């Protein structure tokens, strides 16, 4: 189970290489931290904000562990005995899957269709057949078969062509042993040693402790490769073999950034922190494994918010984590205003009302706002037109064709909006909701191809309502106060899957849809962990 959960990111990477679909980096989550000099508490603050489906088996669950020498809190997947990320009394870390290039796809040519023999480096080799018996409670045992070459399992085969996925695994220690060692780490050095086996797949880790140390690394078992081969596509060069394994010191990593903060939201290493020394010239291309200098809109927004706060309070940290501003909306609305002023659009009464709604919107995807629903419809309509998005997003002058296309798209969006909902004044909470059992709540945030906020929420349409299905899944804030670590969190629904239990929906009702995080009550005696206490923020945290 642990290997399946942790190696998903590596399989996603290899699938992307097989399809030759470009960079496999996805929105797996956000990690960021500030040092003591950037915190009003004079303590390092770390945020772990993974992106995940909310489906059963994929949701995060909160875990408190207390034993003779182990005292820890964190989030884990069902079936694992230890948190995947969290903290103990001295140190903690955030985790998101992906970041390091830990494997390759090899293309094999078999002697004939249906044969298990293939040529490699002038030698005929034979693929072996593996049989797997998967027991299912209350049902028949499933029997699966698969082939394996000397490079790894054959994941795809069509006729004479086969494709093997190859991943390093050069240690006998498993993922659970590594997680246990990470939970017991009391300092940067002991944490660094704990992650050396690299048994939790391709991972991006961000560490902090009560001394104020920050440490960022893209971890994984990364093979040493020649730089004369394009490793981002299936390899057919039979001389392109691996040359060993990189030691941990070779990997992309940063300790105590000069600027006092580090933030990764799909961010290339050279931009995770101002003055970052992680430039591509210092690493092989396959080790760097990113596009230097190119920052996503999510990353730009996060960095802007961190830079604008010289000394963050806990509440200001919460506001960044739960930020619902639709990134780029200001630029697009400006573009529509320019198009209207130069073309004299001549709106109908209905279009003028819609135009005024958009012009008065503050850009936030909050439940009581009218703007998000209309903006999303307009941006979707813009996607069907030939529009110069670069000039819009850089606040540059607009081509006449772009201005006309923006107006046409807006007219189309207004018409479809009224046809779909019956009127223009549609609050976001009416059509963007979180549902659990027979209850539902208006859900802040947005995540679509044309509109995204730091509170990224995926949704699936049921008739005219978009119900959340994933995205931001377990936002966590850890304050490494030397007097005692404090942490805060929330999950989309609750900590139970029992339908008639209030704990299956209580956090949705009180926290997640209300833009709140709760104290985790780490180190509180079990008798103190009452629902009425856990789901209520201390008064000092409710003040702005």
Protein backbone atom coordinates (compact mmCIF):
# COMPACT_ATOMS: atom_id res chain seq x y z
CA UNK A 1 0.00 0.00 0.00
CA UNK A 2 2.74 2.45 0.97
CA UNK A 3 4.66 1.86 -2.25
CA UNK A 4 1.49 2.29 -4.31
CA UNK A 5 0.70 5.62 -2.62
CA UNK A 6 4.21 7.03 -2.80
CA UNK A 7 5.13 5.87 -6.30
CA UNK A 8 2.05 7.34 -7.99
CA UNK A 9 3.98 10.49 -8.90
CA UNK A 10 6.74 8.42 -10.52
CA UNK A 11 4.21 6.45 -12.56
CA UNK A 12 2.57 9.72 -13.65
CA UNK A 13 5.99 10.94 -14.78
CA UNK A 14 6.66 7.77 -16.77
CA UNK A 15 3.19 7.89 -18.32
CA UNK A 16 3.95 11.43 -19.51
CA UNK A 17 7.25 10.29 -21.02
CA UNK A 18 5.52 7.40 -22.78
CA UNK A 19 2.92 9.76 -24.26
CA UNK A 20 5.64 12.36 -24.95
CA UNK A 21 3.21 14.91 -23.55
CA UNK A 22 5.75 17.38 -22.23
CA UNK A 23 6.58 18.17 -18.62
CA UNK A 24 4.86 15.81 -16.18
CA UNK A 25 4.82 18.37 -13.35
CA UNK A 26 1.25 18.82 -12.21
CA UNK A 27 -0.49 20.74 -9.49
CA UNK A 28 0.35 18.26 -6.74
CA UNK A 29 0.25 20.92 -4.09
CA UNK A 30 1.94 23.91 -2.50
CA UNK A 31 4.77 24.06 0.04
CA UNK A 32 6.09 27.27 1.54
CA UNK A 33 7.81 28.49 4.70
CA UNK A 34 9.23 31.61 6.28
CA UNK A 35 12.09 31.85 8.75
CA UNK A 36 11.91 33.47 12.22
CA UNK A 37 12.92 36.85 10.80
CA UNK A 38 9.76 36.87 8.64
CA UNK A 39 7.35 35.80 11.41
CA UNK A 40 5.78 37.95 14.12
CA UNK A 41 6.26 34.99 16.50
CA UNK A 42 10.03 34.91 15.86
CA UNK A 43 9.58 31.28 14.83
CA UNK A 44 9.74 29.47 11.52
CA UNK A 45 6.31 28.87 9.94
CA UNK A 46 5.68 26.10 7.41
CA UNK A 47 2.65 25.53 5.19
CA UNK A 48 1.86 22.16 3.61
CA UNK A 49 -1.04 22.38 1.17
CA UNK A 50 -1.40 19.20 -0.92
CA UNK A 51 -3.71 18.89 -3.92
CA UNK A 52 -5.66 15.64 -3.97
CA UNK A 53 -8.93 14.00 -4.91
CA UNK A 54 -11.57 13.89 -2.16
CA UNK A 55 -12.63 10.39 -3.20
CA UNK A 56 -12.54 7.57 -0.60
CA UNK A 57 -9.06 6.14 -0.28
CA UNK A 58 -7.44 9.37 -1.47
CA UNK A 59 -8.51 11.74 1.32
CA UNK A 60 -6.15 12.75 4.10
CA UNK A 61 -6.81 11.78 7.71
CA UNK A 62 -5.42 13.42 10.83
CA UNK A 63 -3.33 11.29 13.19
CA UNK A 64 -1.96 11.89 16.70
CA UNK A 65 0.80 9.51 17.86
CA UNK A 66 2.08 9.40 21.43
CA UNK A 67 4.39 6.73 22.82
CA UNK A 68 7.44 6.28 24.97
CA UNK A 69 9.77 8.30 22.73
CA UNK A 70 7.50 9.25 19.82
CA UNK A 71 5.15 12.23 20.02
CA UNK A 72 3.89 13.37 16.65
CA UNK A 73 0.95 14.77 14.70
CA UNK A 74 0.26 14.78 10.97
CA UNK A 75 -1.82 13.72 8.00
CA UNK A 76 -1.81 10.23 6.52
CA UNK A 77 -3.65 8.04 4.03
CA UNK A 78 -6.00 5.27 5.26
CA UNK A 79 -4.00 2.10 5.93
CA UNK A 80 -0.66 3.73 6.77
CA UNK A 81 0.48 3.63 10.41
CA UNK A 82 2.46 6.89 10.29
CA UNK A 83 1.79 10.44 9.06
CA UNK A 84 3.08 11.28 5.59
CA UNK A 85 3.72 14.85 6.71
CA UNK A 86 3.43 16.60 10.05
CA UNK A 87 5.61 17.33 13.06
CA UNK A 88 6.92 16.15 16.41
CA UNK A 89 7.88 18.34 19.39
CA UNK A 90 11.01 19.73 17.74
CA UNK A 91 10.68 19.53 13.95
CA UNK A 92 8.28 18.92 11.08
CA UNK A 93 7.93 18.78 7.32
CA UNK A 94 5.55 19.11 4.39
CA UNK A 95 5.35 16.66 1.49
CA UNK A 96 3.98 16.67 -2.03
CA UNK A 97 4.49 13.93 -4.61
CA UNK A 98 6.70 14.60 -7.60
CA UNK A 99 9.62 16.89 -8.33
CA UNK A 100 12.50 14.55 -9.15
CA UNK A 101 13.03 12.48 -12.32
CA UNK A 102 13.33 9.00 -10.81
CA UNK A 103 12.71 6.77 -13.84
CA UNK A 104 12.73 6.28 -17.60
CA UNK A 105 10.73 4.53 -20.31
CA UNK A 106 12.63 2.09 -22.55
CA UNK A 107 11.35 1.07 -25.98
CA UNK A 108 11.91 -2.59 -26.88
CA UNK A 109 11.52 -4.37 -30.24
CA UNK A 110 10.42 -8.02 -30.02
CA UNK A 111 11.40 -10.58 -32.65
CA UNK A 112 7.78 -11.06 -33.71
CA UNK A 113 4.21 -10.49 -32.55
CA UNK A 114 3.40 -12.52 -29.46
CA UNK A 115 7.04 -13.47 -28.88
CA UNK A 116 8.69 -12.95 -25.50
CA UNK A 117 12.14 -12.53 -27.06
CA UNK A 118 13.63 -9.13 -27.85
CA UNK A 119 16.97 -7.72 -28.98
CA UNK A 120 19.05 -5.54 -26.68
CA UNK A 121 22.65 -4.45 -27.25
CA UNK A 122 23.15 -7.18 -29.84
CA UNK A 123 21.86 -9.92 -27.54
CA UNK A 124 18.58 -11.80 -27.62
CA UNK A 125 16.81 -11.62 -24.28
CA UNK A 126 13.55 -13.12 -23.05
CA UNK A 127 10.83 -11.30 -21.15
CA UNK A 128 9.53 -13.19 -18.13
CA UNK A 129 5.90 -13.57 -17.12
CA UNK A 130 4.74 -12.62 -13.62
CA UNK A 131 1.50 -13.89 -12.11
CA UNK A 132 -0.21 -11.92 -9.33
CA UNK A 133 -2.94 -13.31 -7.05
CA UNK A 134 -4.99 -10.51 -5.49
CA UNK A 135 -7.30 -11.61 -2.72
CA UNK A 136 -10.58 -9.70 -2.35
CA UNK A 137 -12.69 -10.09 0.75
CA UNK A 138 -16.04 -11.69 -0.07
CA UNK A 139 -15.14 -12.26 -3.73
CA UNK A 140 -13.00 -14.49 -5.92
CA UNK A 141 -9.25 -14.00 -6.04
CA UNK A 142 -8.20 -11.89 -9.01
CA UNK A 143 -5.38 -13.35 -11.09
CA UNK A 144 -3.36 -10.93 -13.20
CA UNK A 145 -0.38 -11.60 -15.43
CA UNK A 146 2.24 -9.27 -16.80
CA UNK A 147 5.57 -9.37 -18.60
CA UNK A 148 8.90 -8.02 -17.38
CA UNK A 149 12.06 -7.21 -19.33
CA UNK A 150 15.53 -6.90 -17.78
CA UNK A 151 14.78 -3.16 -17.46
CA UNK A 152 11.46 -3.38 -15.67
CA UNK A 153 7.78 -4.27 -16.15
CA UNK A 154 6.32 -4.05 -19.66
CA UNK A 155 3.52 -1.55 -19.19
CA UNK A 156 2.58 -1.13 -22.85
CA UNK A 157 2.89 -3.52 -25.76
CA UNK A 158 1.54 -3.23 -29.30
CA UNK A 159 2.63 -5.91 -31.75
CA UNK A 160 6.41 -6.09 -31.77
CA UNK A 161 6.90 -2.91 -29.74
CA UNK A 162 6.96 -2.93 -25.96
CA UNK A 163 7.68 -0.25 -23.35
CA UNK A 164 9.31 -0.97 -20.01
CA UNK A 165 9.11 1.41 -17.04
CA UNK A 166 12.39 1.50 -15.15
CA UNK A 167 12.77 2.82 -11.59
CA UNK A 168 15.67 2.47 -9.17
CA UNK A 169 15.16 0.58 -5.92
CA UNK A 170 18.54 0.02 -4.31
CA UNK A 171 17.68 -0.29 -0.64
CA UNK A 172 16.06 -2.95 1.49
CA UNK A 173 14.46 -0.36 3.80
CA UNK A 174 10.81 0.28 2.99
CA UNK A 175 8.68 3.46 3.07
CA UNK A 176 7.31 2.82 6.57
CA UNK A 177 10.77 2.51 8.10
CA UNK A 178 11.72 5.84 6.51
CA UNK A 179 8.54 7.55 7.73
CA UNK A 180 9.25 6.29 11.25
CA UNK A 181 12.76 7.71 11.09
CA UNK A 182 11.45 11.05 9.78
CA UNK A 183 8.91 11.26 12.62
CA UNK A 184 11.69 10.75 15.13
CA UNK A 185 13.99 13.40 13.67
CA UNK A 186 14.71 16.17 16.18
CA UNK A 187 17.04 18.29 14.04
CA UNK A 188 17.93 19.12 10.47
CA UNK A 189 20.85 16.66 10.51
CA UNK A 190 18.78 13.73 11.79
CA UNK A 191 16.01 14.52 9.27
CA UNK A 192 18.56 14.70 6.45
CA UNK A 193 19.86 11.26 7.40
CA UNK A 194 16.31 9.88 7.74
CA UNK A 195 15.36 10.72 4.13
CA UNK A 196 18.54 9.34 2.53
CA UNK A 197 16.98 5.96 1.61
CA UNK A 198 14.51 7.86 -0.65
CA UNK A 199 11.79 5.26 -0.14
CA UNK A 200 8.80 7.59 -0.48
CA UNK A 201 9.08 7.99 -4.22
CA UNK A 202 9.64 11.17 -6.15
CA UNK A 203 8.93 13.78 -3.49
CA UNK A 204 9.31 17.46 -2.72
CA UNK A 205 9.99 17.98 0.99
CA UNK A 206 10.12 21.16 3.05
CA UNK A 207 11.51 20.93 6.59
CA UNK A 208 11.47 23.30 9.55
CA UNK A 209 12.36 23.11 13.24
CA UNK A 210 12.31 25.08 16.49
CA UNK A 211 15.83 26.46 15.86
CA UNK A 212 14.49 28.28 12.80
CA UNK A 213 16.18 26.07 10.19
CA UNK A 214 14.44 25.70 6.81
CA UNK A 215 15.38 22.98 4.31
CA UNK A 216 13.94 22.31 0.84
CA UNK A 217 14.75 19.25 -1.29
CA UNK A 218 13.47 17.39 -4.36
CA UNK A 219 14.07 13.89 -3.12
CA UNK A 220 14.14 10.49 -4.79
CA UNK A 221 16.36 7.68 -6.04
CA UNK A 222 17.72 9.39 -9.15
CA UNK A 223 19.90 7.43 -11.60
CA UNK A 224 23.11 8.89 -12.98
CA UNK A 225 22.65 9.35 -16.73
CA UNK A 226 24.61 10.59 -19.69
CA UNK A 227 23.63 14.10 -20.77
CA UNK A 228 23.75 13.19 -24.47
CA UNK A 229 20.35 11.49 -24.44
CA UNK A 230 16.87 13.03 -24.31
CA UNK A 231 15.48 11.24 -21.26
CA UNK A 232 12.05 12.87 -21.52
CA UNK A 233 10.84 10.41 -24.17
CA UNK A 234 10.99 6.60 -24.63
CA UNK A 235 14.62 5.47 -24.95
CA UNK A 236 15.53 3.26 -27.90
CA UNK A 237 19.31 3.80 -27.72
CA UNK A 238 20.62 0.48 -26.41
CA UNK A 239 23.77 2.17 -25.14
CA UNK A 240 21.78 4.61 -22.98
CA UNK A 241 22.15 2.72 -19.75
CA UNK A 242 22.23 4.17 -16.26
CA UNK A 243 25.62 4.75 -14.64
CA UNK A 244 24.71 4.45 -10.98
CA UNK A 245 22.67 6.43 -8.45
CA UNK A 246 23.07 10.02 -7.30
CA UNK A 247 23.86 10.50 -3.66
CA UNK A 248 21.54 12.81 -1.74
CA UNK A 249 24.06 15.63 -1.71
CA UNK A 250 23.76 15.85 -5.53
CA UNK A 251 20.04 16.60 -5.49
CA UNK A 252 18.19 19.92 -5.82
CA UNK A 253 18.19 21.34 -2.27
CA UNK A 254 18.35 24.58 -0.32
CA UNK A 255 19.12 25.27 3.35
CA UNK A 256 18.12 28.52 5.09
CA UNK A 257 17.39 30.65 2.00
CA UNK A 258 19.01 34.09 1.99
CA UNK A 259 15.64 35.87 1.60
CA UNK A 260 14.22 34.13 4.68
CA UNK A 261 11.52 32.23 2.79
CA UNK A 262 10.97 29.51 0.21
CA UNK A 263 7.82 28.68 -1.79
CA UNK A 264 7.05 25.95 -4.33
CA UNK A 265 3.73 26.09 -6.17
CA UNK A 266 4.87 24.29 -9.30
CA UNK A 267 7.87 26.64 -9.19
CA UNK A 268 11.22 25.92 -10.91
CA UNK A 269 14.19 25.64 -8.51
CA UNK A 270 15.76 28.94 -9.59
CA UNK A 271 12.64 30.81 -8.46
CA UNK A 272 11.61 29.01 -5.24
CA UNK A 273 13.22 31.85 -3.31
CA UNK A 274 14.72 35.24 -4.23
CA UNK A 275 18.42 34.92 -5.02
CA UNK A 276 18.02 31.14 -5.24
CA UNK A 277 21.35 29.43 -6.01
CA UNK A 278 19.48 26.51 -7.65
CA UNK A 279 20.25 27.57 -11.21
CA UNK A 280 20.28 25.06 -14.11
CA UNK A 281 23.99 25.63 -14.90
CA UNK A 282 24.90 23.84 -11.67
CA UNK A 283 22.99 20.63 -12.37
CA UNK A 284 22.54 18.12 -15.21
CA UNK A 285 19.33 18.77 -17.14
CA UNK A 286 17.68 15.53 -16.02
CA UNK A 287 18.48 16.38 -12.39
CA UNK A 288 17.15 19.93 -12.65
CA UNK A 289 14.02 18.56 -14.35
CA UNK A 290 12.11 21.82 -14.79
CA UNK A 291 11.79 24.90 -16.97
CA UNK A 292 14.02 27.59 -15.43
CA UNK A 293 12.69 31.12 -15.21
CA UNK A 294 9.08 30.16 -16.02
CA UNK A 295 6.69 30.76 -13.17
CA UNK A 296 3.04 29.67 -13.09
CA UNK A 297 0.32 32.17 -12.22
CA UNK A 298 -0.26 30.29 -8.97
CA UNK A 299 3.40 30.60 -8.04
CA UNK A 300 3.48 34.32 -8.91
CA UNK A 301 0.45 35.02 -6.73
CA UNK A 302 1.86 33.09 -3.77
CA UNK A 303 5.25 34.81 -4.00
CA UNK A 304 3.59 38.23 -4.22
CA UNK A 305 1.58 37.59 -1.05
CA UNK A 306 4.61 36.37 0.89
CA UNK A 307 6.76 39.32 -0.20
CA UNK A 308 4.05 41.81 0.77
CA UNK A 309 4.18 40.73 4.43
CA UNK A 310 7.48 41.52 6.08
CA UNK A 311 6.47 39.87 9.39
CA UNK A 312 3.62 37.37 9.06
CA UNK A 313 1.11 36.78 11.83
CA UNK A 314 -0.70 33.45 12.10
CA UNK A 315 -3.87 35.08 10.77
CA UNK A 316 -2.00 36.54 7.79
CA UNK A 317 -0.63 33.07 7.08
CA UNK A 318 -4.19 31.71 7.13
CA UNK A 319 -5.29 34.38 4.65
CA UNK A 320 -2.59 33.33 2.19
CA UNK A 321 -3.43 29.63 2.54
CA UNK A 322 -7.15 30.35 2.04
CA UNK A 323 -6.75 33.07 -0.61
CA UNK A 324 -9.64 32.93 -3.09
CA UNK A 325 -8.50 35.73 -5.42
CA UNK A 326 -8.96 34.57 -9.03
CA UNK A 327 -5.46 35.02 -10.35
CA UNK A 328 -5.26 37.25 -13.41
CA UNK A 329 -8.88 38.42 -13.18
CA UNK A 330 -7.80 42.04 -12.75
CA UNK A 331 -5.91 41.97 -16.06
CA UNK A 332 -8.77 40.34 -17.98
CA UNK A 333 -11.39 42.72 -16.57
CA UNK A 334 -9.16 45.67 -17.47
CA UNK A 335 -8.93 44.29 -21.01
CA UNK A 336 -12.72 44.11 -21.29
CA UNK A 337 -13.02 47.67 -20.00
CA UNK A 338 -10.52 48.85 -22.63
CA UNK A 339 -12.36 46.96 -25.35
CA UNK A 340 -15.64 48.55 -24.30
CA UNK A 341 -14.20 52.07 -24.20
CA UNK A 342 -12.50 51.88 -27.60
CA UNK A 343 -15.15 49.96 -29.53
CA UNK A 344 -18.19 51.63 -27.95
CA UNK A 345 -19.69 48.16 -27.57
CA UNK A 346 -23.29 49.33 -27.32
CA UNK A 347 -24.43 46.84 -24.69
CA UNK A 348 -28.05 45.79 -24.35
CA UNK A 349 -29.62 46.45 -20.95
CA UNK A 350 -28.90 42.86 -19.92
CA UNK A 351 -25.29 43.06 -21.12
CA UNK A 352 -24.79 46.40 -19.36
CA UNK A 353 -26.01 44.87 -16.10
CA UNK A 354 -23.58 41.98 -16.54
CA UNK A 355 -20.76 44.40 -17.42
CA UNK A 356 -21.40 46.39 -14.23
CA UNK A 357 -21.39 43.20 -12.14
CA UNK A 358 -17.97 42.27 -13.48
CA UNK A 359 -16.53 45.79 -13.16
CA UNK A 360 -17.58 46.04 -9.49
CA UNK A 361 -16.32 42.55 -8.53
CA UNK A 362 -13.27 42.39 -6.23
CA UNK A 363 -11.84 39.33 -8.00
CA UNK A 364 -12.46 36.87 -5.17
CA UNK A 365 -14.26 33.54 -5.54
CA UNK A 366 -16.18 33.90 -2.30
CA UNK A 367 -19.66 32.38 -1.79
CA UNK A 368 -21.54 35.70 -1.60
CA UNK A 369 -19.96 37.26 -4.74
CA UNK A 370 -21.85 37.65 -8.04
CA UNK A 371 -18.70 38.04 -10.15
CA UNK A 372 -17.12 34.53 -10.16
CA UNK A 373 -19.94 32.75 -11.99
CA UNK A 374 -20.10 35.39 -14.73
CA UNK A 375 -16.32 35.65 -15.01
CA UNK A 376 -15.95 31.87 -15.37
CA UNK A 377 -18.57 31.82 -18.14
CA UNK A 378 -16.87 34.70 -19.97
CA UNK A 379 -13.39 33.15 -19.72
CA UNK A 380 -14.76 29.85 -21.04
CA UNK A 381 -16.23 31.72 -24.02
CA UNK A 382 -12.89 33.51 -24.55
CA UNK A 383 -11.22 30.13 -24.93
CA UNK A 384 -13.15 29.59 -28.14
CA UNK A 385 -11.73 32.76 -29.73
CA UNK A 386 -8.33 33.83 -31.06
CA UNK A 387 -7.23 36.13 -28.22
CA UNK A 388 -3.75 37.44 -27.45
CA UNK A 389 -3.61 36.33 -23.81
CA UNK A 390 -0.01 37.44 -23.33
CA UNK A 391 -0.80 41.11 -23.95
CA UNK A 392 -3.80 40.90 -21.63
CA UNK A 393 -1.89 39.30 -18.76
CA UNK A 394 1.06 41.69 -19.07
CA UNK A 395 -1.25 44.76 -19.14
CA UNK A 396 0.01 45.64 -22.62
CA UNK A 397 -1.82 47.31 -25.47
CA UNK A 398 -4.44 45.11 -27.12
CA UNK A 399 -4.73 44.25 -30.78
CA UNK A 400 -8.02 45.34 -32.43
CA UNK A 401 -8.86 41.68 -33.11
CA UNK A 402 -8.43 40.85 -29.43
CA UNK A 403 -10.71 43.70 -28.33
CA UNK A 404 -13.45 42.56 -30.69
CA UNK A 405 -13.06 38.94 -29.58
CA UNK A 406 -13.37 39.93 -25.91
CA UNK A 407 -16.64 41.75 -26.58
CA UNK A 408 -18.04 38.88 -28.67
CA UNK A 409 -17.14 36.38 -25.96
CA UNK A 410 -18.79 38.53 -23.30
CA UNK A 411 -22.03 38.79 -25.27
CA UNK A 412 -22.03 35.02 -25.72
CA UNK A 413 -21.31 34.44 -22.01
CA UNK A 414 -24.17 36.72 -20.91
CA UNK A 415 -26.61 34.92 -23.17
CA UNK A 416 -25.53 31.43 -22.03
CA UNK A 417 -25.47 32.55 -18.39
CA UNK A 418 -29.09 33.69 -18.48
CA UNK A 419 -30.18 30.60 -20.43
CA UNK A 420 -28.48 28.34 -17.88
CA UNK A 421 -29.47 30.01 -14.61
CA UNK A 422 -32.46 32.13 -15.53
CA UNK A 423 -30.91 35.43 -14.41
CA UNK A 424 -27.62 37.29 -14.10
CA UNK A 425 -27.37 37.80 -10.33
CA UNK A 426 -25.98 34.36 -9.47
CA UNK A 427 -23.95 34.16 -6.29
CA UNK A 428 -20.98 31.80 -6.32
CA UNK A 429 -22.46 29.75 -3.48
CA UNK A 430 -25.52 28.96 -5.60
CA UNK A 431 -23.53 27.03 -8.18
CA UNK A 432 -20.21 26.14 -6.49
CA UNK A 433 -20.73 23.91 -3.49
CA UNK A 434 -19.32 21.14 -1.32
CA UNK A 435 -21.74 18.25 -0.82
CA UNK A 436 -21.70 15.54 1.82
CA UNK A 437 -24.65 13.21 2.22
CA UNK A 438 -27.82 15.27 2.20
CA UNK A 439 -26.08 18.55 3.08
CA UNK A 440 -24.19 21.08 1.00
CA UNK A 441 -22.39 24.38 1.57
CA UNK A 442 -21.17 27.23 -0.61
CA UNK A 443 -17.49 26.58 -1.35
CA UNK A 444 -14.89 29.37 -1.72
CA UNK A 445 -12.12 29.02 -4.31
CA UNK A 446 -11.92 27.94 -7.93
CA UNK A 447 -9.83 25.73 -10.22
CA UNK A 448 -10.61 25.55 -13.92
CA UNK A 449 -8.49 25.83 -17.08
CA UNK A 450 -9.23 29.57 -17.23
CA UNK A 451 -9.59 30.54 -13.57
CA UNK A 452 -7.59 29.49 -10.53
CA UNK A 453 -7.01 30.66 -6.96
CA UNK A 454 -4.66 29.46 -4.23
CA UNK A 455 -7.81 27.85 -2.83
CA UNK A 456 -7.92 25.54 -5.84
CA UNK A 457 -11.15 23.53 -5.83
CA UNK A 458 -11.98 21.02 -8.56
CA UNK A 459 -15.68 20.57 -9.26
CA UNK A 460 -17.97 18.33 -11.29
CA UNK A 461 -21.24 19.60 -12.72
CA UNK A 462 -24.51 18.03 -11.58
CA UNK A 463 -27.22 19.72 -13.66
CA UNK A 464 -26.41 23.39 -13.08
CA UNK A 465 -24.44 23.13 -9.81
CA UNK A 466 -20.70 22.47 -9.63
CA UNK A 467 -19.97 20.20 -6.66
CA UNK A 468 -16.40 20.05 -5.32
CA UNK A 469 -14.54 16.77 -5.87
CA UNK A 470 -10.93 17.64 -5.01
CA UNK A 471 -8.14 20.19 -5.00
CA UNK A 472 -6.98 21.78 -1.77
CA UNK A 473 -7.35 18.81 0.55
CA UNK A 474 -5.54 19.21 3.89
CA UNK A 475 -4.12 22.74 4.31
CA UNK A 476 -1.78 22.78 7.29
CA UNK A 477 0.11 25.55 9.09
CA UNK A 478 2.92 24.65 11.51
CA UNK A 479 4.44 27.29 13.82
CA UNK A 480 7.80 26.10 15.18
CA UNK A 481 7.64 28.06 18.42
CA UNK A 482 10.54 26.99 20.70
CA UNK A 483 8.11 27.12 23.62
CA UNK A 484 5.90 24.54 21.94
CA UNK A 485 5.00 23.79 18.32
CA UNK A 486 1.50 24.85 17.28
CA UNK A 487 -0.30 23.59 14.20
CA UNK A 488 -3.60 24.26 12.42
CA UNK A 489 -5.50 22.33 9.78
CA UNK A 490 -8.82 21.47 8.11
CA UNK A 491 -10.13 18.78 5.77
CA UNK A 492 -12.96 19.09 3.21
CA UNK A 493 -15.52 16.89 4.99
CA UNK A 494 -14.56 15.40 8.35
CA UNK A 495 -12.65 12.52 9.90
CA UNK A 496 -15.30 9.83 9.49
CA UNK A 497 -16.87 7.96 6.57
CA UNK A 498 -19.80 6.74 8.67
CA UNK A 499 -22.79 8.39 7.01
CA UNK A 500 -24.76 9.07 10.22
CA UNK A 501 -21.76 10.42 12.13
CA UNK A 502 -21.50 14.21 12.55
CA UNK A 503 -17.75 13.79 12.10
CA UNK A 504 -18.35 12.91 8.44
CA UNK A 505 -19.28 16.52 7.69
CA UNK A 506 -18.45 18.72 10.70
CA UNK A 507 -15.28 20.28 9.28
CA UNK A 508 -17.03 21.13 6.01
CA UNK A 509 -19.72 22.95 7.98
CA UNK A 510 -17.55 24.82 10.49
CA UNK A 511 -14.12 25.11 8.90
CA UNK A 512 -13.41 24.25 5.28
CA UNK A 513 -16.23 26.17 3.62
CA UNK A 514 -15.90 29.02 6.14
CA UNK A 515 -12.25 29.87 5.37
CA UNK A 516 -11.03 28.64 8.75
CA UNK A 517 -8.38 26.30 10.09
CA UNK A 518 -8.60 24.73 13.55
CA UNK A 519 -5.86 24.19 16.13
CA UNK A 520 -4.73 20.56 15.99
CA UNK A 521 -4.37 20.45 19.80
CA UNK A 522 -1.05 18.68 19.47
CA UNK A 523 0.11 17.38 22.87
CA UNK A 524 -3.37 17.90 24.37
CA UNK A 525 -4.54 15.06 26.66
CA UNK A 526 -7.05 12.79 24.84
CA UNK A 527 -9.87 13.81 27.20
CA UNK A 528 -9.46 17.42 26.05
CA UNK A 529 -9.99 16.60 22.37
CA UNK A 530 -13.73 17.33 22.34
CA UNK A 531 -15.60 18.28 19.18
CA UNK A 532 -16.90 21.49 20.71
CA UNK A 533 -13.32 22.55 21.45
CA UNK A 534 -11.59 21.33 18.31
CA UNK A 535 -14.04 22.98 15.94
CA UNK A 536 -13.76 26.43 17.51
CA UNK A 537 -10.88 28.82 16.96
CA UNK A 538 -9.43 30.70 19.94
CA UNK A 539 -10.77 34.24 20.13
CA UNK A 540 -7.37 35.79 19.44
CA UNK A 541 -7.22 34.01 16.07
CA UNK A 542 -10.62 35.35 15.05
CA UNK A 543 -9.39 38.93 15.28
CA UNK A 544 -8.00 40.55 12.15
